[in-house]
Protein backbone atom coordinates (compact mmCIF):
# COMPACT_ATOMS: atom_id res chain seq x y z
CA MET A 1 0.00 0.00 0.00
CA PRO A 2 1.56 3.34 -1.00
CA LEU A 3 2.42 5.84 1.76
CA THR A 4 0.67 9.21 1.88
CA GLY A 5 0.89 12.39 3.90
CA ARG A 6 3.29 12.56 6.83
CA ALA A 7 4.44 8.95 6.43
CA ALA A 8 5.47 9.62 2.84
CA LEU A 9 7.50 12.69 3.91
CA VAL A 10 9.27 10.79 6.67
CA ALA A 11 10.05 7.93 4.26
CA ALA A 12 11.35 10.40 1.69
CA ILE A 13 13.63 12.02 4.24
CA GLY A 14 14.97 8.66 5.34
CA SER A 15 15.73 7.58 1.79
CA LEU A 16 17.87 10.59 0.84
CA PRO A 17 21.14 8.93 -0.20
CA VAL A 18 23.78 11.62 0.24
CA GLY A 19 22.17 14.01 2.70
CA ILE A 20 23.41 14.55 6.26
CA LEU A 21 20.73 15.18 8.84
CA GLU A 22 21.84 17.73 11.41
CA PRO A 23 21.97 16.34 14.99
CA GLY A 24 18.74 16.32 17.00
CA TRP A 25 16.30 16.49 14.09
CA ALA A 26 15.51 12.80 13.57
CA GLY A 27 12.87 12.52 16.29
CA ILE A 28 11.32 15.88 15.44
CA LEU A 29 10.81 14.96 11.80
CA ALA A 30 8.95 11.77 12.75
CA VAL A 31 6.08 13.81 14.25
CA ASN A 32 6.23 17.08 12.33
CA GLY A 33 5.13 16.87 8.70
CA PRO A 34 5.69 20.54 7.74
CA LEU A 35 9.18 20.46 9.17
CA ALA A 36 9.92 17.27 7.25
CA LEU A 37 8.79 19.00 4.09
CA ALA A 38 11.07 21.96 4.89
CA CYS A 39 14.02 19.60 5.37
CA ALA A 40 13.33 17.91 2.05
CA CYS A 41 13.31 21.30 0.32
CA ASP A 42 16.44 22.35 2.19
CA PHE A 43 18.25 19.27 0.96
CA ALA A 44 17.07 19.79 -2.61
CA LEU A 45 18.34 23.39 -2.62
CA ALA A 46 21.81 22.55 -1.27
CA ALA A 47 24.44 22.90 -4.01
CA PRO A 48 25.98 19.60 -5.15
CA VAL A 49 29.50 18.91 -3.87
CA ARG A 50 30.73 16.40 -6.45
CA ARG A 51 30.44 18.86 -9.32
CA LEU A 52 32.62 21.54 -7.69
CA VAL A 53 35.92 22.28 -9.43
CA LEU A 54 38.90 22.90 -7.13
CA SER A 55 42.44 24.04 -7.86
CA ARG A 56 45.41 25.30 -5.85
CA SER A 57 48.01 28.04 -6.09
CA GLY A 58 50.47 29.73 -3.75
CA ASP A 59 53.77 28.99 -2.06
CA THR A 60 55.69 25.85 -2.92
CA SER A 61 58.47 26.33 -0.36
CA THR A 62 59.17 28.08 2.91
CA ARG A 63 61.85 28.10 5.59
CA LEU A 64 61.28 26.29 8.85
CA GLY A 65 59.67 28.72 11.29
CA GLU A 66 58.14 30.87 8.56
CA THR A 67 54.68 30.70 7.00
CA ALA A 68 53.42 29.49 3.61
CA ASP A 69 50.10 30.53 2.08
CA VAL A 70 48.28 28.02 -0.12
CA THR A 71 45.18 29.28 -1.94
CA LEU A 72 42.28 26.98 -2.79
CA THR A 73 39.98 28.12 -5.63
CA LEU A 74 36.41 26.75 -5.67
CA THR A 75 34.34 27.01 -8.84
CA ASN A 76 30.59 26.36 -8.55
CA PRO A 77 29.28 25.18 -11.97
CA SER A 78 25.79 24.39 -10.67
CA ARG A 79 22.70 26.63 -10.69
CA ARG A 80 22.44 26.71 -6.90
CA LEU A 81 24.12 28.96 -4.40
CA LEU A 82 26.88 27.13 -2.50
CA ARG A 83 26.86 27.67 1.24
CA ALA A 84 29.59 25.47 2.63
CA ARG A 85 32.07 24.65 5.32
CA LEU A 86 35.31 23.04 4.14
CA ARG A 87 38.35 21.49 5.72
CA ASP A 88 41.66 21.71 3.87
CA ALA A 89 43.53 18.81 5.44
CA TRP A 90 47.35 18.81 5.79
CA PRO A 91 49.74 16.72 7.93
CA PRO A 92 49.77 17.70 11.63
CA SER A 93 53.37 19.01 11.35
CA SER A 94 52.10 21.71 8.98
CA TRP A 95 51.04 23.82 11.98
CA ARG A 96 52.14 24.52 15.48
CA PRO A 97 50.44 22.16 17.96
CA GLY A 98 46.88 23.21 18.73
CA THR A 99 46.43 25.60 15.77
CA GLU A 100 45.67 23.29 12.84
CA ILE A 101 41.87 23.22 13.35
CA ASP A 102 41.44 26.97 12.97
CA GLY A 103 43.94 27.07 10.12
CA SER A 104 42.33 24.38 7.99
CA ARG A 105 38.58 25.12 8.31
CA HIS A 106 36.84 27.78 6.24
CA SER A 107 33.31 29.04 5.55
CA VAL A 108 32.59 29.95 1.95
CA THR A 109 29.66 31.18 -0.14
CA VAL A 110 29.88 30.79 -3.93
CA PRO A 111 27.06 32.01 -6.21
CA ALA A 112 26.08 29.86 -9.18
CA GLY A 113 28.65 29.93 -11.96
CA GLU A 114 31.20 31.90 -9.91
CA ARG A 115 34.38 31.11 -8.00
CA ARG A 116 35.86 32.02 -4.65
CA ARG A 117 39.26 31.65 -3.04
CA VAL A 118 40.22 30.65 0.48
CA THR A 119 43.76 30.70 1.84
CA THR A 120 45.25 28.21 4.27
CA ARG A 121 48.29 29.53 6.12
CA LEU A 122 50.81 26.84 7.08
CA ARG A 123 53.51 27.21 9.71
CA PRO A 124 55.45 23.92 9.52
CA THR A 125 57.27 22.53 12.53
CA ARG A 126 59.55 20.12 10.63
CA ARG A 127 61.71 20.17 7.53
CA GLY A 128 60.75 18.17 4.45
CA ASP A 129 57.84 17.94 2.03
CA ARG A 130 54.33 18.64 3.30
CA ARG A 131 51.68 17.24 0.96
CA ALA A 132 48.04 18.27 1.01
CA ASP A 133 45.45 15.65 1.89
CA ARG A 134 41.82 15.73 0.72
CA VAL A 135 39.50 18.74 0.86
CA THR A 136 36.23 17.85 2.58
CA ILE A 137 33.23 20.09 1.78
CA ARG A 138 29.82 20.19 3.47
CA SER A 139 27.20 22.08 1.44
CA TYR A 140 24.15 23.42 3.33
CA GLY A 141 20.66 24.28 2.21
CA PRO A 142 19.23 27.77 2.89
CA LEU A 143 17.72 26.65 6.22
CA GLY A 144 20.81 24.78 7.41
CA LEU A 145 18.80 21.65 8.28
CA PHE A 146 20.28 19.24 5.73
CA SER A 147 23.66 19.18 3.98
CA ARG A 148 25.56 17.30 1.29
CA GLN A 149 29.13 16.20 1.94
CA GLY A 150 31.96 15.04 -0.30
CA ALA A 151 35.74 15.08 -0.64
CA HIS A 152 38.10 16.16 -3.43
CA GLU A 153 41.75 15.30 -3.99
CA VAL A 154 43.63 18.53 -4.80
CA PRO A 155 47.39 17.73 -4.77
CA TRP A 156 49.92 20.32 -3.59
CA THR A 157 53.36 20.10 -1.97
CA VAL A 158 55.16 22.65 0.17
CA ARG A 159 58.87 22.00 0.74
CA VAL A 160 60.08 23.16 4.16
CA LEU A 161 63.71 24.29 3.93
CA PRO A 162 66.30 24.54 6.72
CA PRO A 163 66.01 27.87 8.57
CA PHE A 164 69.71 28.96 8.16
CA THR A 165 69.72 30.83 11.47
CA SER A 166 73.52 31.20 11.34
CA ARG A 167 73.23 33.63 8.44
CA LYS A 168 73.66 36.44 10.99
CA HIS A 169 77.33 35.41 11.39
CA LEU A 170 78.09 35.74 7.68
CA PRO A 171 78.89 39.51 7.50
CA SER A 172 81.58 39.34 10.20
CA ARG A 173 83.20 36.28 8.58
CA LEU A 174 83.13 37.91 5.17
CA ALA A 175 84.95 40.92 6.67
CA ARG A 176 87.67 38.59 7.96
CA LEU A 177 87.78 36.90 4.57
CA ARG A 178 88.39 40.27 2.90
CA GLU A 179 91.26 40.85 5.27
CA LEU A 180 92.79 37.53 4.26
CA ASP A 181 92.21 38.42 0.63
CA GLY A 182 94.15 41.65 1.04
CA ARG A 183 91.30 44.07 0.50
CA THR A 184 91.38 45.73 3.90
CA SER A 185 94.75 44.82 5.43
CA VAL A 186 98.22 43.44 4.74
CA LEU A 187 98.28 40.20 2.80
CA THR A 188 99.72 37.12 4.46
CA ARG A 189 102.23 34.51 3.49
CA GLY A 190 101.60 30.77 3.63
CA GLU A 191 102.44 27.47 2.05
CA GLY A 192 99.22 27.24 0.06
CA THR A 193 98.94 30.88 -1.04
CA GLU A 194 99.46 32.67 -4.34
CA PHE A 195 101.85 35.54 -5.04
CA ASP A 196 99.97 38.83 -5.36
CA SER A 197 102.27 41.90 -5.49
CA LEU A 198 105.27 43.74 -3.98
CA ARG A 199 105.30 46.47 -1.36
CA GLU A 200 107.79 48.27 0.87
CA TYR A 201 109.07 46.44 3.93
CA VAL A 202 107.78 47.60 7.33
CA PRO A 203 109.07 46.48 10.74
CA GLY A 204 107.41 43.24 11.80
CA ASP A 205 107.20 41.70 8.33
CA ASP A 206 108.42 38.15 7.91
CA THR A 207 111.96 38.38 6.55
CA ARG A 208 111.31 35.24 4.48
CA SER A 209 108.95 37.29 2.31
CA ILE A 210 111.69 39.75 1.23
CA ASP A 211 112.22 39.76 -2.53
CA TRP A 212 115.98 40.34 -2.82
CA ARG A 213 115.98 40.73 -6.59
CA ALA A 214 113.38 43.48 -6.43
CA THR A 215 115.22 45.07 -3.51
CA ALA A 216 118.44 45.20 -5.57
CA ARG A 217 116.66 47.22 -8.26
CA GLN A 218 115.39 49.92 -5.89
CA SER A 219 116.48 51.90 -2.86
CA THR A 220 114.03 50.27 -0.40
CA VAL A 221 113.50 46.73 0.79
CA ALA A 222 110.66 45.03 -1.09
CA VAL A 223 108.55 42.18 0.27
CA ARG A 224 106.16 39.87 -1.52
CA THR A 225 102.48 39.91 -0.59
CA TRP A 226 100.37 36.82 -0.89
CA ARG A 227 96.73 35.97 -1.07
CA PRO A 228 94.85 32.78 -0.23
CA GLU A 229 94.32 30.50 -3.19
CA ARG A 230 90.96 30.46 -4.88
CA ASP A 231 89.08 27.70 -6.66
CA ARG A 232 89.82 25.19 -3.92
CA HIS A 233 87.49 22.23 -3.52
CA ILE A 234 85.48 21.75 -0.33
CA LEU A 235 83.40 18.63 0.29
CA LEU A 236 80.80 18.83 3.06
CA VAL A 237 80.08 15.32 4.37
CA LEU A 238 76.99 14.90 6.56
CA ASP A 239 76.79 11.78 8.68
CA THR A 240 73.06 10.93 8.69
CA GLY A 241 73.39 7.76 10.77
CA ARG A 242 71.86 7.05 14.17
CA THR A 243 74.11 9.45 16.09
CA SER A 244 72.69 12.38 14.11
CA ALA A 245 69.21 11.58 15.48
CA GLY A 246 70.18 12.43 19.07
CA ARG A 247 68.36 15.54 20.24
CA VAL A 248 70.29 18.47 21.63
CA GLY A 249 67.82 20.94 23.04
CA ASP A 250 64.73 20.90 20.85
CA VAL A 251 66.27 19.71 17.57
CA PRO A 252 68.23 16.68 16.31
CA ARG A 253 72.01 17.00 15.98
CA LEU A 254 71.58 16.77 12.22
CA ASP A 255 69.75 20.11 12.11
CA ALA A 256 72.62 21.90 13.85
CA SER A 257 75.05 20.28 11.39
CA LEU A 258 72.94 21.48 8.46
CA ASP A 259 73.00 25.04 9.74
CA ALA A 260 76.78 24.96 10.19
CA ALA A 261 77.26 23.49 6.72
CA LEU A 262 75.17 26.26 5.15
CA LEU A 263 77.22 29.02 6.77
CA LEU A 264 80.47 27.41 5.65
CA ALA A 265 79.12 26.92 2.12
CA ALA A 266 78.04 30.57 1.89
CA LEU A 267 81.45 31.74 3.13
CA ALA A 268 83.49 29.42 0.93
CA SER A 269 81.54 30.26 -2.21
CA ARG A 270 82.20 33.96 -1.56
CA ALA A 271 85.89 33.08 -1.22
CA GLY A 272 85.88 31.61 -4.72
CA ASP A 273 86.03 27.98 -3.59
CA ARG A 274 83.89 25.19 -5.03
CA VAL A 275 81.55 23.49 -2.57
CA ASP A 276 79.99 20.03 -2.90
CA LEU A 277 77.74 18.12 -0.50
CA LEU A 278 77.54 14.44 0.40
CA ALA A 279 75.04 13.01 2.91
CA TYR A 280 75.70 9.37 3.80
CA ASP A 281 74.97 6.65 6.37
CA ARG A 282 74.86 3.26 4.62
CA ARG A 283 74.06 4.75 1.25
CA VAL A 284 74.07 8.16 -0.37
CA ARG A 285 71.15 10.24 0.90
CA ALA A 286 72.03 13.45 -0.96
CA LEU A 287 74.74 14.52 -3.41
CA VAL A 288 75.25 18.03 -4.79
CA GLN A 289 78.16 18.58 -7.20
CA GLY A 290 79.37 21.05 -9.77
CA ARG A 291 77.19 24.01 -8.84
CA SER A 292 78.23 27.57 -9.64
CA ALA A 293 78.85 30.07 -6.84
CA GLY A 294 75.43 31.66 -7.32
CA ASP A 295 73.58 28.35 -7.41
CA VAL A 296 75.39 26.36 -4.72
CA LEU A 297 73.49 27.68 -1.70
CA PRO A 298 69.96 27.17 -3.12
CA SER A 299 70.98 23.69 -4.29
CA LEU A 300 72.31 22.75 -0.86
CA VAL A 301 69.24 24.09 0.93
CA ASN A 302 66.92 22.17 -1.38
CA ALA A 303 68.88 18.93 -0.94
CA MET A 304 69.02 19.32 2.84
CA ALA A 305 65.29 19.93 3.19
CA THR A 306 64.33 16.26 2.97
CA LEU A 307 67.26 14.80 4.93
CA GLU A 308 66.30 12.89 8.05
CA PRO A 309 68.45 10.89 10.50
CA GLU A 310 68.47 7.17 9.76
CA LEU A 311 68.47 4.79 12.73
CA VAL A 312 71.36 2.71 11.37
CA GLU A 313 75.07 2.56 12.15
CA THR A 314 77.05 4.62 9.64
CA ASP A 315 79.27 2.57 7.34
CA ALA A 316 82.58 4.43 7.75
CA ARG A 317 84.31 2.48 4.99
CA GLY A 318 81.52 3.19 2.55
CA LEU A 319 81.48 6.85 3.54
CA THR A 320 85.24 7.13 3.02
CA ALA A 321 85.15 5.40 -0.36
CA THR A 322 82.29 7.62 -1.55
CA ALA A 323 84.06 10.76 -0.32
CA LEU A 324 87.24 9.79 -2.18
CA ARG A 325 85.28 9.26 -5.39
CA THR A 326 83.52 12.59 -4.95
CA ALA A 327 86.78 14.46 -4.22
CA PRO A 328 89.39 12.92 -6.56
CA ARG A 329 92.02 15.63 -6.03
CA SER A 330 93.32 17.51 -2.99
CA SER A 331 90.36 19.01 -1.13
CA LEU A 332 89.14 20.14 2.25
CA ILE A 333 86.81 17.42 3.54
CA VAL A 334 84.51 18.69 6.31
CA LEU A 335 82.97 15.74 8.12
CA LEU A 336 80.02 16.65 10.35
CA THR A 337 79.66 13.67 12.65
CA THR A 338 79.84 12.63 16.29
CA LEU A 339 82.77 12.64 18.71
CA ASP A 340 81.39 9.73 20.71
CA ALA A 341 84.23 7.34 21.42
CA ALA A 342 82.77 4.10 20.04
CA PRO A 343 81.71 5.30 16.55
CA VAL A 344 84.99 7.18 16.06
CA GLU A 345 87.35 4.50 17.34
CA GLN A 346 85.60 1.57 15.68
CA GLY A 347 84.44 3.31 12.51
CA LEU A 348 86.34 6.46 11.56
CA LEU A 349 89.87 6.01 12.91
CA PRO A 350 90.70 2.81 10.98
CA VAL A 351 89.86 4.46 7.63
CA LEU A 352 91.00 7.99 8.44
CA PRO A 353 94.49 7.62 6.89
CA GLN A 354 92.83 7.09 3.49
CA LEU A 355 91.41 10.60 3.75
CA THR A 356 94.34 12.42 5.35
CA ARG A 357 96.83 10.97 2.86
CA ARG A 358 95.40 13.12 0.08
CA HIS A 359 93.09 15.68 1.69
CA THR A 360 92.87 18.18 4.52
CA VAL A 361 90.27 16.84 6.95
CA LEU A 362 88.15 18.83 9.40
CA VAL A 363 85.77 17.06 11.79
CA ALA A 364 82.92 19.09 13.30
CA SER A 365 80.65 17.76 16.04
CA VAL A 366 77.65 19.04 18.00
CA ALA A 367 78.24 19.17 21.75
CA ASP A 368 75.39 19.00 24.26
CA PRO A 369 75.21 22.22 26.36
CA ASN A 370 73.47 20.25 29.13
CA VAL A 371 76.74 18.42 29.79
CA ALA A 372 78.48 21.69 30.67
CA ARG A 373 75.55 22.67 32.88
CA MET A 374 75.67 19.32 34.67
CA ALA A 375 79.42 19.67 35.20
CA ARG A 376 78.83 22.87 37.17
CA ALA A 377 76.05 21.37 39.31
CA ARG A 378 76.60 21.19 43.08
CA GLY A 379 74.54 21.28 46.26
CA SER A 380 73.12 17.77 46.48
CA VAL A 381 74.17 14.15 46.09
CA ASP A 382 72.32 13.86 42.76
CA ALA A 383 73.97 17.04 41.49
CA VAL A 384 77.43 15.76 42.38
CA TYR A 385 76.77 12.49 40.55
CA GLU A 386 75.59 14.46 37.52
CA ALA A 387 78.73 16.58 37.63
CA ALA A 388 80.92 13.47 37.80
CA ALA A 389 79.11 11.88 34.83
CA ALA A 390 79.43 15.14 32.83
CA ALA A 391 83.12 15.39 33.61
CA GLN A 392 83.68 11.80 32.47
CA ALA A 393 81.75 12.40 29.23
CA GLY A 394 83.73 15.58 28.58
CA SER A 395 87.04 13.79 29.15
CA GLU A 396 86.08 11.04 26.69
CA ARG A 397 85.23 13.62 24.01
CA GLN A 398 88.54 15.39 24.59
CA ARG A 399 90.48 12.13 24.29
CA THR A 400 88.64 11.29 21.06
CA ALA A 401 89.35 14.74 19.65
CA GLU A 402 93.02 14.45 20.58
CA ARG A 403 93.32 11.12 18.79
CA LEU A 404 91.89 12.73 15.67
CA ARG A 405 94.32 15.65 15.94
CA ARG A 406 97.26 13.24 16.11
CA HIS A 407 96.20 12.12 12.63
CA GLY A 408 96.42 15.72 11.39
CA VAL A 409 92.68 16.39 11.61
CA THR A 410 91.30 19.77 12.64
CA VAL A 411 88.53 19.25 15.22
CA VAL A 412 85.66 21.61 16.01
CA ASP A 413 83.49 20.64 18.99
CA ALA A 414 80.83 23.21 19.90
CA THR A 415 77.25 23.56 21.07
CA PRO A 416 74.48 24.02 18.47
CA ASP A 417 74.49 27.81 18.79
CA ASP A 418 78.29 28.02 18.48
CA LEU A 419 79.02 25.28 15.95
CA ALA A 420 78.36 27.30 12.78
CA PRO A 421 80.60 30.30 13.65
CA ALA A 422 83.28 28.00 15.09
CA LEU A 423 83.35 25.97 11.86
CA ALA A 424 83.58 29.14 9.78
CA ASP A 425 86.47 30.35 11.97
CA ALA A 426 88.28 27.05 11.50
CA TYR A 427 87.93 27.41 7.72
CA LEU A 428 89.33 30.95 7.85
CA ALA A 429 92.21 29.77 10.07
CA LEU A 430 93.12 27.12 7.47
CA LYS A 431 93.04 29.82 4.81
CA ALA A 432 95.25 32.13 6.88
CA ALA A 433 97.74 29.34 7.60
CA GLY A 434 98.02 28.50 3.91
CA ARG A 435 96.69 24.98 4.39
CA LEU A 436 93.84 25.59 1.96
């Protein structure tokens, strides 16, 4: 027997296939025919979701700690007014904790045949690629009683680059580089430097720099001036093994190493040197070679963006062999790794002579500032034990560093805030000493 009247309305409401009944209305509709009719009309007037056309535009990259704006364009091809709430879903690390709900939800009204834009502002908390998930849209009728819901896949990727916080140290290091290059002060003499010009001797000059032939042709003593060599090769080697995953403060050790490597790369490229990058644990994770001075820093930043620590023991022999293939002639190899005794003594030291035989080697490591704080602790039994443990850890690091120095390696051991400027200073010291 066919249904009529109120029963027919209730049955029609219950059979709507894609509608979403707002909470609390089910029982009311069962006894209220006019309201059921209003809900049916409300559902019929809601704009369809499946027919919407969505596209994206906006930022494709940002630095860690900065924002990225991604714009979503909605086109309504139907003949009904779109009244909707949408959620633009991204990974949780695309926002600071607790802010992603407000950042991803939008209200939008799109007349028939028109388009509107909404912007989602991301503030990522981790490096790497952040890929957009689906866009979920809920379209309401004019009364807001019923709605249609659907999802659209609208791909977009934002690459989160390293922050390069050590950039603030670059101007002072460039000033020192200009001094070494003879632009603001007396040029220096060293084994690995190039002859630049002659000038008059002044007290305090190294007598070994006197040019006796030039002196014989004039009435004053002439000395040679020198400048650091250019077009030297520098290979930055990032150890991405398990030791780089250890957190120092709020970030992994690898992030501090990346920041230090960027400062050194920026300084060395300004000095006219060629900079390459190798990231390795048990296989090559990133390799940047042959970039021009203007392109080297963007290339390094882009390659570093997706690097993550791997929870495996670094293959020191494989790392050494790959570094030797990447740097076939005399180079400065900067190895950013740990100074923990076991990985160095069992992994690096046995293969180190292969590197030092042909290259100048510099090892840079991130020290934990909490160890120094613990070493100063006093006032209780627990504090004294902490101080003793910190002193023992510090002594082990010093012994490991000294063993590396006996192999002719320059060692830089500094906290995350000090590592980048200390590494840049070590590079400038090698330049000044003529070892580069």
